[in-house]
Amino acid sequence: MDTTKYFQRYEVIPVVVKCKETGRVLNLCYMNQKALEKTLETGYVWYCSRSSQKLWKKSSESAQRVASIYSDCDNNSLLIKVYQSGYACHTGRSSCFHHRIWPEHSEK
């Protein structure tokens, strides 16, 4: 698969990661072309650190196995549905999105 079309405008693109089984958004991370190619090669999601440009993936305790990959209409961001094992967030939570900012008070 030729992955160059996803990186014509930007060297690093955003990736929304959702749980295939629950539909919950787990992470917003970033990929460069090498990370996408490694993801396609291994079947596990690889990311690119924006600061160091190094590739990384979740540890074996929190692996993200690819179920499907979608591109947006401009081919400059991705949605990856995964089979999540373990926690998705480095804080040990199931998702990185756990801080409610609006509405301020929780619903009853």
PDB file of N, CA and C in Angstrom:
ATOM      1  N   MET A   1       0.848  -1.184   0.000  1.00  0.00           N
ATOM      2  CA  MET A   1       0.000   0.000   0.000  1.00  0.00           C
ATOM      3  C   MET A   1       0.889   1.242   0.000  1.00  0.00           C
ATOM      4  N   ASP A   2       0.573   2.181  -0.873  1.00  0.00           N
ATOM      5  CA  ASP A   2       1.318   3.437  -0.930  1.00  0.00           C
ATOM      6  C   ASP A   2       0.730   4.405   0.096  1.00  0.00           C
ATOM      7  N   THR A   3       1.519   4.759   1.083  1.00  0.00           N
ATOM      8  CA  THR A   3       1.044   5.634   2.165  1.00  0.00           C
ATOM      9  C   THR A   3       1.403   7.101   1.957  1.00  0.00           C
ATOM     10  N   THR A   4       2.068   7.435   0.868  1.00  0.00           N
ATOM     11  CA  THR A   4       2.543   8.806   0.666  1.00  0.00           C
ATOM     12  C   THR A   4       1.406   9.829   0.582  1.00  0.00           C
ATOM     13  N   LYS A   5       0.249   9.433   0.081  1.00  0.00           N
ATOM     14  CA  LYS A   5      -0.842  10.402  -0.087  1.00  0.00           C
ATOM     15  C   LYS A   5      -1.325  10.982   1.242  1.00  0.00           C
ATOM     16  N   TYR A   6      -1.092  10.278   2.344  1.00  0.00           N
ATOM     17  CA  TYR A   6      -1.530  10.762   3.646  1.00  0.00           C
ATOM     18  C   TYR A   6      -0.565  11.783   4.248  1.00  0.00           C
ATOM     19  N   PHE A   7       0.600  11.917   3.650  1.00  0.00           N
ATOM     20  CA  PHE A   7       1.641  12.785   4.213  1.00  0.00           C
ATOM     21  C   PHE A   7       2.141  13.808   3.201  1.00  0.00           C
ATOM     22  N   GLN A   8       1.311  14.171   2.248  1.00  0.00           N
ATOM     23  CA  GLN A   8       1.715  15.147   1.241  1.00  0.00           C
ATOM     24  C   GLN A   8       1.755  16.564   1.797  1.00  0.00           C
ATOM     25  N   ARG A   9       0.863  16.878   2.723  1.00  0.00           N
ATOM     26  CA  ARG A   9       0.818  18.239   3.275  1.00  0.00           C
ATOM     27  C   ARG A   9       1.523  18.352   4.617  1.00  0.00           C
ATOM     28  N   TYR A  10       1.517  17.276   5.396  1.00  0.00           N
ATOM     29  CA  TYR A  10       2.082  17.306   6.742  1.00  0.00           C
ATOM     30  C   TYR A  10       2.932  16.061   6.974  1.00  0.00           C
ATOM     31  N   GLU A  11       4.014  16.212   7.713  1.00  0.00           N
ATOM     32  CA  GLU A  11       4.868  15.069   8.037  1.00  0.00           C
ATOM     33  C   GLU A  11       4.262  14.202   9.126  1.00  0.00           C
ATOM     34  N   VAL A  12       3.445  14.801   9.987  1.00  0.00           N
ATOM     35  CA  VAL A  12       2.801  14.101  11.092  1.00  0.00           C
ATOM     36  C   VAL A  12       1.313  14.432  11.040  1.00  0.00           C
ATOM     37  N   ILE A  13       0.467  13.400  11.152  1.00  0.00           N
ATOM     38  CA  ILE A  13      -0.974  13.616  11.082  1.00  0.00           C
ATOM     39  C   ILE A  13      -1.657  13.073  12.347  1.00  0.00           C
ATOM     40  N   PRO A  14      -2.808  13.664  12.714  1.00  0.00           N
ATOM     41  CA  PRO A  14      -3.537  13.174  13.888  1.00  0.00           C
ATOM     42  C   PRO A  14      -4.252  11.858  13.597  1.00  0.00           C
ATOM     43  N   VAL A  15      -4.343  11.054  14.660  1.00  0.00           N
ATOM     44  CA  VAL A  15      -5.002   9.754  14.577  1.00  0.00           C
ATOM     45  C   VAL A  15      -5.963   9.625  15.756  1.00  0.00           C
ATOM     46  N   VAL A  16      -7.235   9.473  15.462  1.00  0.00           N
ATOM     47  CA  VAL A  16      -8.234   9.199  16.490  1.00  0.00           C
ATOM     48  C   VAL A  16      -8.324   7.685  16.618  1.00  0.00           C
ATOM     49  N   VAL A  17      -8.227   7.197  17.845  1.00  0.00           N
ATOM     50  CA  VAL A  17      -8.278   5.757  18.084  1.00  0.00           C
ATOM     51  C   VAL A  17      -9.545   5.429  18.864  1.00  0.00           C
ATOM     52  N   LYS A  18     -10.351   4.528  18.315  1.00  0.00           N
ATOM     53  CA  LYS A  18     -11.603   4.110  18.949  1.00  0.00           C
ATOM     54  C   LYS A  18     -11.579   2.617  19.217  1.00  0.00           C
ATOM     55  N   CYS A  19     -12.254   2.227  20.275  1.00  0.00           N
ATOM     56  CA  CYS A  19     -12.406   0.815  20.590  1.00  0.00           C
ATOM     57  C   CYS A  19     -13.430   0.209  19.633  1.00  0.00           C
ATOM     58  N   LYS A  20     -13.061  -0.832  18.943  1.00  0.00           N
ATOM     59  CA  LYS A  20     -13.953  -1.502  17.989  1.00  0.00           C
ATOM     60  C   LYS A  20     -15.182  -2.065  18.702  1.00  0.00           C
ATOM     61  N   GLU A  21     -14.993  -2.570  19.915  1.00  0.00           N
ATOM     62  CA  GLU A  21     -16.080  -3.248  20.612  1.00  0.00           C
ATOM     63  C   GLU A  21     -17.059  -2.297  21.287  1.00  0.00           C
ATOM     64  N   THR A  22     -16.578  -1.182  21.830  1.00  0.00           N
ATOM     65  CA  THR A  22     -17.465  -0.268  22.566  1.00  0.00           C
ATOM     66  C   THR A  22     -17.774   1.019  21.819  1.00  0.00           C
ATOM     67  N   GLY A  23     -16.954   1.376  20.836  1.00  0.00           N
ATOM     68  CA  GLY A  23     -17.128   2.633  20.126  1.00  0.00           C
ATOM     69  C   GLY A  23     -16.557   3.833  20.869  1.00  0.00           C
ATOM     70  N   ARG A  24     -15.986   3.614  22.026  1.00  0.00           N
ATOM     71  CA  ARG A  24     -15.436   4.703  22.840  1.00  0.00           C
ATOM     72  C   ARG A  24     -14.135   5.232  22.227  1.00  0.00           C
ATOM     73  N   VAL A  25     -13.982   6.565  22.220  1.00  0.00           N
ATOM     74  CA  VAL A  25     -12.726   7.164  21.779  1.00  0.00           C
ATOM     75  C   VAL A  25     -11.693   6.923  22.864  1.00  0.00           C
ATOM     76  N   LEU A  26     -10.559   6.359  22.485  1.00  0.00           N
ATOM     77  CA  LEU A  26      -9.521   6.010  23.443  1.00  0.00           C
ATOM     78  C   LEU A  26      -8.396   7.032  23.492  1.00  0.00           C
ATOM     79  N   ASN A  27      -7.906   7.441  22.323  1.00  0.00           N
ATOM     80  CA  ASN A  27      -6.747   8.315  22.244  1.00  0.00           C
ATOM     81  C   ASN A  27      -6.849   9.248  21.059  1.00  0.00           C
ATOM     82  N   LEU A  28      -6.105  10.329  21.135  1.00  0.00           N
ATOM     83  CA  LEU A  28      -5.764  11.155  19.982  1.00  0.00           C
ATOM     84  C   LEU A  28      -4.247  11.200  19.972  1.00  0.00           C
ATOM     85  N   CYS A  29      -3.653  10.581  18.970  1.00  0.00           N
ATOM     86  CA  CYS A  29      -2.195  10.512  18.879  1.00  0.00           C
ATOM     87  C   CYS A  29      -1.788  10.976  17.483  1.00  0.00           C
ATOM     88  N   TYR A  30      -0.522  10.779  17.144  1.00  0.00           N
ATOM     89  CA  TYR A  30       0.000  11.254  15.868  1.00  0.00           C
ATOM     90  C   TYR A  30       0.845  10.175  15.209  1.00  0.00           C
ATOM     91  N   MET A  31       0.831  10.204  13.869  1.00  0.00           N
ATOM     92  CA  MET A  31       1.628   9.263  13.082  1.00  0.00           C
ATOM     93  C   MET A  31       2.403  10.014  12.016  1.00  0.00           C
ATOM     94  N   ASN A  32       3.592   9.513  11.747  1.00  0.00           N
ATOM     95  CA  ASN A  32       4.286   9.909  10.530  1.00  0.00           C
ATOM     96  C   ASN A  32       4.164   8.722   9.572  1.00  0.00           C
ATOM     97  N   GLN A  33       4.758   8.843   8.405  1.00  0.00           N
ATOM     98  CA  GLN A  33       4.611   7.787   7.407  1.00  0.00           C
ATOM     99  C   GLN A  33       5.206   6.466   7.894  1.00  0.00           C
ATOM    100  N   LYS A  34       6.334   6.519   8.575  1.00  0.00           N
ATOM    101  CA  LYS A  34       6.951   5.285   9.074  1.00  0.00           C
ATOM    102  C   LYS A  34       6.059   4.594  10.100  1.00  0.00           C
ATOM    103  N   ALA A  35       5.400   5.360  10.957  1.00  0.00           N
ATOM    104  CA  ALA A  35       4.503   4.773  11.959  1.00  0.00           C
ATOM    105  C   ALA A  35       3.317   4.089  11.278  1.00  0.00           C
ATOM    106  N   LEU A  36       2.761   4.715  10.259  1.00  0.00           N
ATOM    107  CA  LEU A  36       1.649   4.092   9.543  1.00  0.00           C
ATOM    108  C   LEU A  36       2.112   2.816   8.847  1.00  0.00           C
ATOM    109  N   GLU A  37       3.261   2.860   8.224  1.00  0.00           N
ATOM    110  CA  GLU A  37       3.765   1.667   7.544  1.00  0.00           C
ATOM    111  C   GLU A  37       4.030   0.532   8.531  1.00  0.00           C
ATOM    112  N   LYS A  38       4.572   0.856   9.697  1.00  0.00           N
ATOM    113  CA  LYS A  38       4.828  -0.164  10.719  1.00  0.00           C
ATOM    114  C   LYS A  38       3.510  -0.722  11.259  1.00  0.00           C
ATOM    115  N   THR A  39       2.495   0.137  11.380  1.00  0.00           N
ATOM    116  CA  THR A  39       1.161  -0.302  11.796  1.00  0.00           C
ATOM    117  C   THR A  39       0.588  -1.291  10.790  1.00  0.00           C
ATOM    118  N   LEU A  40       0.681  -0.961   9.517  1.00  0.00           N
ATOM    119  CA  LEU A  40       0.176  -1.852   8.471  1.00  0.00           C
ATOM    120  C   LEU A  40       0.950  -3.159   8.430  1.00  0.00           C
ATOM    121  N   GLU A  41       2.232  -3.094   8.686  1.00  0.00           N
ATOM    122  CA  GLU A  41       3.096  -4.281   8.660  1.00  0.00           C
ATOM    123  C   GLU A  41       2.840  -5.221   9.836  1.00  0.00           C
ATOM    124  N   THR A  42       2.618  -4.657  11.030  1.00  0.00           N
ATOM    125  CA  THR A  42       2.523  -5.484  12.239  1.00  0.00           C
ATOM    126  C   THR A  42       1.101  -5.793  12.679  1.00  0.00           C
ATOM    127  N   GLY A  43       0.136  -4.945  12.282  1.00  0.00           N
ATOM    128  CA  GLY A  43      -1.242  -5.117  12.742  1.00  0.00           C
ATOM    129  C   GLY A  43      -1.493  -4.510  14.107  1.00  0.00           C
ATOM    130  N   TYR A  44      -0.490  -3.833  14.666  1.00  0.00           N
ATOM    131  CA  TYR A  44      -0.624  -3.114  15.931  1.00  0.00           C
ATOM    132  C   TYR A  44      -0.317  -1.643  15.690  1.00  0.00           C
ATOM    133  N   VAL A  45      -0.990  -0.758  16.426  1.00  0.00           N
ATOM    134  CA  VAL A  45      -0.855   0.673  16.187  1.00  0.00           C
ATOM    135  C   VAL A  45       0.484   1.181  16.701  1.00  0.00           C
ATOM    136  N   TRP A  46       1.204   1.885  15.846  1.00  0.00           N
ATOM    137  CA  TRP A  46       2.454   2.566  16.171  1.00  0.00           C
ATOM    138  C   TRP A  46       2.232   4.055  16.016  1.00  0.00           C
ATOM    139  N   TYR A  47       2.877   4.833  16.847  1.00  0.00           N
ATOM    140  CA  TYR A  47       2.733   6.283  16.834  1.00  0.00           C
ATOM    141  C   TYR A  47       4.083   6.949  16.643  1.00  0.00           C
ATOM    142  N   CYS A  48       4.030   8.253  16.422  1.00  0.00           N
ATOM    143  CA  CYS A  48       5.236   9.052  16.282  1.00  0.00           C
ATOM    144  C   CYS A  48       5.184  10.155  17.332  1.00  0.00           C
ATOM    145  N   SER A  49       6.219  10.252  18.129  1.00  0.00           N
ATOM    146  CA  SER A  49       6.315  11.348  19.093  1.00  0.00           C
ATOM    147  C   SER A  49       6.546  12.642  18.319  1.00  0.00           C
ATOM    148  N   ARG A  50       5.724  13.650  18.561  1.00  0.00           N
ATOM    149  CA  ARG A  50       5.892  14.921  17.858  1.00  0.00           C
ATOM    150  C   ARG A  50       7.160  15.642  18.285  1.00  0.00           C
ATOM    151  N   SER A  51       7.593  15.450  19.518  1.00  0.00           N
ATOM    152  CA  SER A  51       8.790  16.158  19.994  1.00  0.00           C
ATOM    153  C   SER A  51      10.087  15.471  19.566  1.00  0.00           C
ATOM    154  N   SER A  52      10.151  14.153  19.686  1.00  0.00           N
ATOM    155  CA  SER A  52      11.399  13.448  19.367  1.00  0.00           C
ATOM    156  C   SER A  52      11.393  12.790  17.990  1.00  0.00           C
ATOM    157  N   GLN A  53      10.233  12.709  17.357  1.00  0.00           N
ATOM    158  CA  GLN A  53      10.061  12.036  16.065  1.00  0.00           C
ATOM    159  C   GLN A  53      10.392  10.543  16.140  1.00  0.00           C
ATOM    160  N   LYS A  54      10.393   9.963  17.344  1.00  0.00           N
ATOM    161  CA  LYS A  54      10.649   8.536  17.512  1.00  0.00           C
ATOM    162  C   LYS A  54       9.338   7.760  17.474  1.00  0.00           C
ATOM    163  N   LEU A  55       9.407   6.542  16.954  1.00  0.00           N
ATOM    164  CA  LEU A  55       8.231   5.679  16.924  1.00  0.00           C
ATOM    165  C   LEU A  55       8.035   5.022  18.281  1.00  0.00           C
ATOM    166  N   TRP A  56       6.770   4.801  18.634  1.00  0.00           N
ATOM    167  CA  TRP A  56       6.452   4.094  19.874  1.00  0.00           C
ATOM    168  C   TRP A  56       5.107   3.410  19.708  1.00  0.00           C
ATOM    169  N   LYS A  57       4.862   2.414  20.544  1.00  0.00           N
ATOM    170  CA  LYS A  57       3.551   1.776  20.589  1.00  0.00           C
ATOM    171  C   LYS A  57       3.220   1.472  22.037  1.00  0.00           C
ATOM    172  N   LYS A  58       1.979   1.166  22.276  1.00  0.00           N
ATOM    173  CA  LYS A  58       1.544   0.820  23.622  1.00  0.00           C
ATOM    174  C   LYS A  58       2.300  -0.422  24.091  1.00  0.00           C
ATOM    175  N   SER A  59       2.445  -0.552  25.386  1.00  0.00           N
ATOM    176  CA  SER A  59       3.140  -1.713  25.938  1.00  0.00           C
ATOM    177  C   SER A  59       2.280  -2.969  25.774  1.00  0.00           C
ATOM    178  N   SER A  60       2.855  -4.112  26.070  1.00  0.00           N
ATOM    179  CA  SER A  60       2.110  -5.363  25.933  1.00  0.00           C
ATOM    180  C   SER A  60       0.909  -5.412  26.869  1.00  0.00           C
ATOM    181  N   GLU A  61       0.951  -4.640  27.967  1.00  0.00           N
ATOM    182  CA  GLU A  61      -0.183  -4.595  28.896  1.00  0.00           C
ATOM    183  C   GLU A  61      -1.335  -3.728  28.367  1.00  0.00           C
ATOM    184  N   SER A  62      -1.081  -2.952  27.330  1.00  0.00           N
ATOM    185  CA  SER A  62      -2.140  -2.085  26.798  1.00  0.00           C
ATOM    186  C   SER A  62      -2.082  -2.034  25.273  1.00  0.00           C
ATOM    187  N   ALA A  63      -1.985  -3.187  24.654  1.00  0.00           N
ATOM    188  CA  ALA A  63      -1.821  -3.272  23.204  1.00  0.00           C
ATOM    189  C   ALA A  63      -3.076  -2.828  22.456  1.00  0.00           C
ATOM    190  N   GLN A  64      -2.847  -2.273  21.265  1.00  0.00           N
ATOM    191  CA  GLN A  64      -3.940  -1.860  20.390  1.00  0.00           C
ATOM    192  C   GLN A  64      -3.787  -2.584  19.057  1.00  0.00           C
ATOM    193  N   ARG A  65      -4.569  -3.648  18.890  1.00  0.00           N
ATOM    194  CA  ARG A  65      -4.548  -4.421  17.643  1.00  0.00           C
ATOM    195  C   ARG A  65      -5.536  -3.805  16.666  1.00  0.00           C
ATOM    196  N   VAL A  66      -5.111  -3.580  15.456  1.00  0.00           N
ATOM    197  CA  VAL A  66      -5.920  -2.882  14.457  1.00  0.00           C
ATOM    198  C   VAL A  66      -7.089  -3.740  13.987  1.00  0.00           C
ATOM    199  N   ALA A  67      -8.279  -3.144  14.007  1.00  0.00           N
ATOM    200  CA  ALA A  67      -9.460  -3.764  13.407  1.00  0.00           C
ATOM    201  C   ALA A  67      -9.711  -3.166  12.030  1.00  0.00           C
ATOM    202  N   SER A  68      -9.587  -1.829  11.918  1.00  0.00           N
ATOM    203  CA  SER A  68      -9.776  -1.148  10.640  1.00  0.00           C
ATOM    204  C   SER A  68      -9.158   0.243  10.701  1.00  0.00           C
ATOM    205  N   ILE A  69      -8.851   0.775   9.532  1.00  0.00           N
ATOM    206  CA  ILE A  69      -8.272   2.116   9.422  1.00  0.00           C
ATOM    207  C   ILE A  69      -9.063   2.885   8.369  1.00  0.00           C
ATOM    208  N   TYR A  70      -9.439   4.113   8.718  1.00  0.00           N
ATOM    209  CA  TYR A  70     -10.159   5.003   7.808  1.00  0.00           C
ATOM    210  C   TYR A  70      -9.389   6.302   7.664  1.00  0.00           C
ATOM    211  N   SER A  71      -9.482   6.894   6.489  1.00  0.00           N
ATOM    212  CA  SER A  71      -8.907   8.208   6.236  1.00  0.00           C
ATOM    213  C   SER A  71     -10.034   9.219   6.159  1.00  0.00           C
ATOM    214  N   ASP A  72      -9.747  10.466   6.518  1.00  0.00           N
ATOM    215  CA  ASP A  72     -10.760  11.504   6.349  1.00  0.00           C
ATOM    216  C   ASP A  72     -10.808  11.937   4.883  1.00  0.00           C
ATOM    217  N   CYS A  73     -11.722  12.850   4.567  1.00  0.00           N
ATOM    218  CA  CYS A  73     -11.948  13.252   3.176  1.00  0.00           C
ATOM    219  C   CYS A  73     -10.750  13.960   2.545  1.00  0.00           C
ATOM    220  N   ASP A  74      -9.858  14.543   3.349  1.00  0.00           N
ATOM    221  CA  ASP A  74      -8.677  15.223   2.829  1.00  0.00           C
ATOM    222  C   ASP A  74      -7.422  14.358   2.885  1.00  0.00           C
ATOM    223  N   ASN A  75      -7.547  13.139   3.377  1.00  0.00           N
ATOM    224  CA  ASN A  75      -6.411  12.221   3.531  1.00  0.00           C
ATOM    225  C   ASN A  75      -5.303  12.803   4.409  1.00  0.00           C
ATOM    226  N   ASN A  76      -5.695  13.574   5.458  1.00  0.00           N
ATOM    227  CA  ASN A  76      -4.668  14.118   6.349  1.00  0.00           C
ATOM    228  C   ASN A  76      -4.952  13.856   7.825  1.00  0.00           C
ATOM    229  N   SER A  77      -5.836  12.931   8.093  1.00  0.00           N
ATOM    230  CA  SER A  77      -6.028  12.413   9.449  1.00  0.00           C
ATOM    231  C   SER A  77      -6.647  11.020   9.326  1.00  0.00           C
ATOM    232  N   LEU A  78      -6.457  10.235  10.392  1.00  0.00           N
ATOM    233  CA  LEU A  78      -6.921   8.850  10.355  1.00  0.00           C
ATOM    234  C   LEU A  78      -7.810   8.536  11.546  1.00  0.00           C
ATOM    235  N   LEU A  79      -8.685   7.578  11.354  1.00  0.00           N
ATOM    236  CA  LEU A  79      -9.477   6.972  12.414  1.00  0.00           C
ATOM    237  C   LEU A  79      -9.106   5.496  12.415  1.00  0.00           C
ATOM    238  N   ILE A  80      -8.618   5.028  13.560  1.00  0.00           N
ATOM    239  CA  ILE A  80      -8.247   3.619  13.664  1.00  0.00           C
ATOM    240  C   ILE A  80      -9.117   2.970  14.728  1.00  0.00           C
ATOM    241  N   LYS A  81      -9.827   1.924  14.338  1.00  0.00           N
ATOM    242  CA  LYS A  81     -10.604   1.136  15.286  1.00  0.00           C
ATOM    243  C   LYS A  81      -9.730  -0.030  15.724  1.00  0.00           C
ATOM    244  N   VAL A  82      -9.679  -0.238  17.044  1.00  0.00           N
ATOM    245  CA  VAL A  82      -8.757  -1.235  17.596  1.00  0.00           C
ATOM    246  C   VAL A  82      -9.460  -2.177  18.550  1.00  0.00           C
ATOM    247  N   TYR A  83      -8.827  -3.318  18.735  1.00  0.00           N
ATOM    248  CA  TYR A  83      -9.153  -4.208  19.835  1.00  0.00           C
ATOM    249  C   TYR A  83      -8.170  -3.843  20.937  1.00  0.00           C
ATOM    250  N   GLN A  84      -8.676  -3.206  21.969  1.00  0.00           N
ATOM    251  CA  GLN A  84      -7.849  -2.704  23.059  1.00  0.00           C
ATOM    252  C   GLN A  84      -7.701  -3.763  24.134  1.00  0.00           C
ATOM    253  N   SER A  85      -6.460  -4.035  24.525  1.00  0.00           N
ATOM    254  CA  SER A  85      -6.249  -4.882  25.698  1.00  0.00           C
ATOM    255  C   SER A  85      -5.574  -4.031  26.765  1.00  0.00           C
ATOM    256  N   GLY A  86      -6.096  -4.113  27.968  1.00  0.00           N
ATOM    257  CA  GLY A  86      -5.563  -3.283  29.049  1.00  0.00           C
ATOM    258  C   GLY A  86      -6.038  -1.851  28.928  1.00  0.00           C
ATOM    259  N   TYR A  87      -5.332  -0.981  29.586  1.00  0.00           N
ATOM    260  CA  TYR A  87      -5.713   0.432  29.595  1.00  0.00           C
ATOM    261  C   TYR A  87      -5.228   1.136  28.328  1.00  0.00           C
ATOM    262  N   ALA A  88      -5.917   2.210  27.938  1.00  0.00           N
ATOM    263  CA  ALA A  88      -5.525   2.980  26.756  1.00  0.00           C
ATOM    264  C   ALA A  88      -4.712   4.213  27.125  1.00  0.00           C
ATOM    265  N   CYS A  89      -4.922   4.737  28.316  1.00  0.00           N
ATOM    266  CA  CYS A  89      -4.266   5.974  28.746  1.00  0.00           C
ATOM    267  C   CYS A  89      -3.064   5.659  29.627  1.00  0.00           C
ATOM    268  N   HIS A  90      -2.030   6.470  29.525  1.00  0.00           N
ATOM    269  CA  HIS A  90      -0.828   6.248  30.339  1.00  0.00           C
ATOM    270  C   HIS A  90      -1.089   6.433  31.834  1.00  0.00           C
ATOM    271  N   THR A  91      -2.258   7.003  32.181  1.00  0.00           N
ATOM    272  CA  THR A  91      -2.622   7.167  33.593  1.00  0.00           C
ATOM    273  C   THR A  91      -3.257   5.901  34.162  1.00  0.00           C
ATOM    274  N   GLY A  92      -3.441   4.888  33.310  1.00  0.00           N
ATOM    275  CA  GLY A  92      -4.059   3.648  33.747  1.00  0.00           C
ATOM    276  C   GLY A  92      -5.568   3.624  33.560  1.00  0.00           C
ATOM    277  N   ARG A  93      -6.113   4.624  32.898  1.00  0.00           N
ATOM    278  CA  ARG A  93      -7.561   4.673  32.642  1.00  0.00           C
ATOM    279  C   ARG A  93      -7.884   4.020  31.299  1.00  0.00           C
ATOM    280  N   SER A  94      -9.156   3.743  31.105  1.00  0.00           N
ATOM    281  CA  SER A  94      -9.578   3.070  29.879  1.00  0.00           C
ATOM    282  C   SER A  94      -9.571   3.988  28.659  1.00  0.00           C
ATOM    283  N   SER A  95      -9.565   5.289  28.871  1.00  0.00           N
ATOM    284  CA  SER A  95      -9.539   6.268  27.784  1.00  0.00           C
ATOM    285  C   SER A  95      -8.770   7.498  28.249  1.00  0.00           C
ATOM    286  N   CYS A  96      -8.151   8.184  27.322  1.00  0.00           N
ATOM    287  CA  CYS A  96      -7.497   9.453  27.665  1.00  0.00           C
ATOM    288  C   CYS A  96      -8.530  10.561  27.889  1.00  0.00           C
ATOM    289  N   PHE A  97      -9.752  10.346  27.432  1.00  0.00           N
ATOM    290  CA  PHE A  97     -10.790  11.377  27.524  1.00  0.00           C
ATOM    291  C   PHE A  97     -11.679  11.113  28.731  1.00  0.00           C
ATOM    292  N   HIS A  98     -11.238  11.585  29.889  1.00  0.00           N
ATOM    293  CA  HIS A  98     -11.999  11.383  31.117  1.00  0.00           C
ATOM    294  C   HIS A  98     -12.196  12.667  31.928  1.00  0.00           C
ATOM    295  N   HIS A  99     -11.689  13.804  31.454  1.00  0.00           N
ATOM    296  CA  HIS A  99     -11.881  15.076  32.156  1.00  0.00           C
ATOM    297  C   HIS A  99     -13.043  15.833  31.512  1.00  0.00           C
ATOM    298  N   ARG A 100     -14.170  15.869  32.195  1.00  0.00           N
ATOM    299  CA  ARG A 100     -15.317  16.619  31.667  1.00  0.00           C
ATOM    300  C   ARG A 100     -15.051  18.108  31.871  1.00  0.00           C
ATOM    301  N   ILE A 101     -15.202  18.905  30.810  1.00  0.00           N
ATOM    302  CA  ILE A 101     -15.012  20.347  30.943  1.00  0.00           C
ATOM    303  C   ILE A 101     -16.312  21.134  30.736  1.00  0.00           C
ATOM    304  N   TRP A 102     -17.323  20.481  30.165  1.00  0.00           N
ATOM    305  CA  TRP A 102     -18.616  21.142  29.999  1.00  0.00           C
ATOM    306  C   TRP A 102     -19.685  20.093  29.805  1.00  0.00           C
ATOM    307  N   PRO A 103     -20.841  20.132  30.364  1.00  0.00           N
ATOM    308  CA  PRO A 103     -21.171  21.118  31.387  1.00  0.00           C
ATOM    309  C   PRO A 103     -20.351  20.888  32.646  1.00  0.00           C
ATOM    310  N   GLU A 104     -20.221  21.946  33.402  1.00  0.00           N
ATOM    311  CA  GLU A 104     -19.344  21.908  34.558  1.00  0.00           C
ATOM    312  C   GLU A 104     -19.767  20.859  35.584  1.00  0.00           C
ATOM    313  N   HIS A 105     -21.066  20.719  35.826  1.00  0.00           N
ATOM    314  CA  HIS A 105     -21.552  19.750  36.802  1.00  0.00           C
ATOM    315  C   HIS A 105     -22.038  18.498  36.110  1.00  0.00           C
ATOM    316  N   SER A 106     -21.791  17.374  36.714  1.00  0.00           N
ATOM    317  CA  SER A 106     -22.220  16.128  36.094  1.00  0.00           C
ATOM    318  C   SER A 106     -23.730  16.019  36.107  1.00  0.00           C
ATOM    319  N   GLU A 107     -24.228  15.278  35.128  1.00  0.00           N
ATOM    320  CA  GLU A 107     -25.674  15.076  35.018  1.00  0.00           C
ATOM    321  C   GLU A 107     -26.151  14.133  36.104  1.00  0.00           C
ATOM    322  N   LYS A 108     -27.393  14.343  36.564  1.00  0.00           N
ATOM    323  CA  LYS A 108     -27.973  13.489  37.595  1.00  0.00           C
ATOM    324  C   LYS A 108     -29.162  12.756  37.082  1.00  0.00           C
TER     325      LYS A 108
END
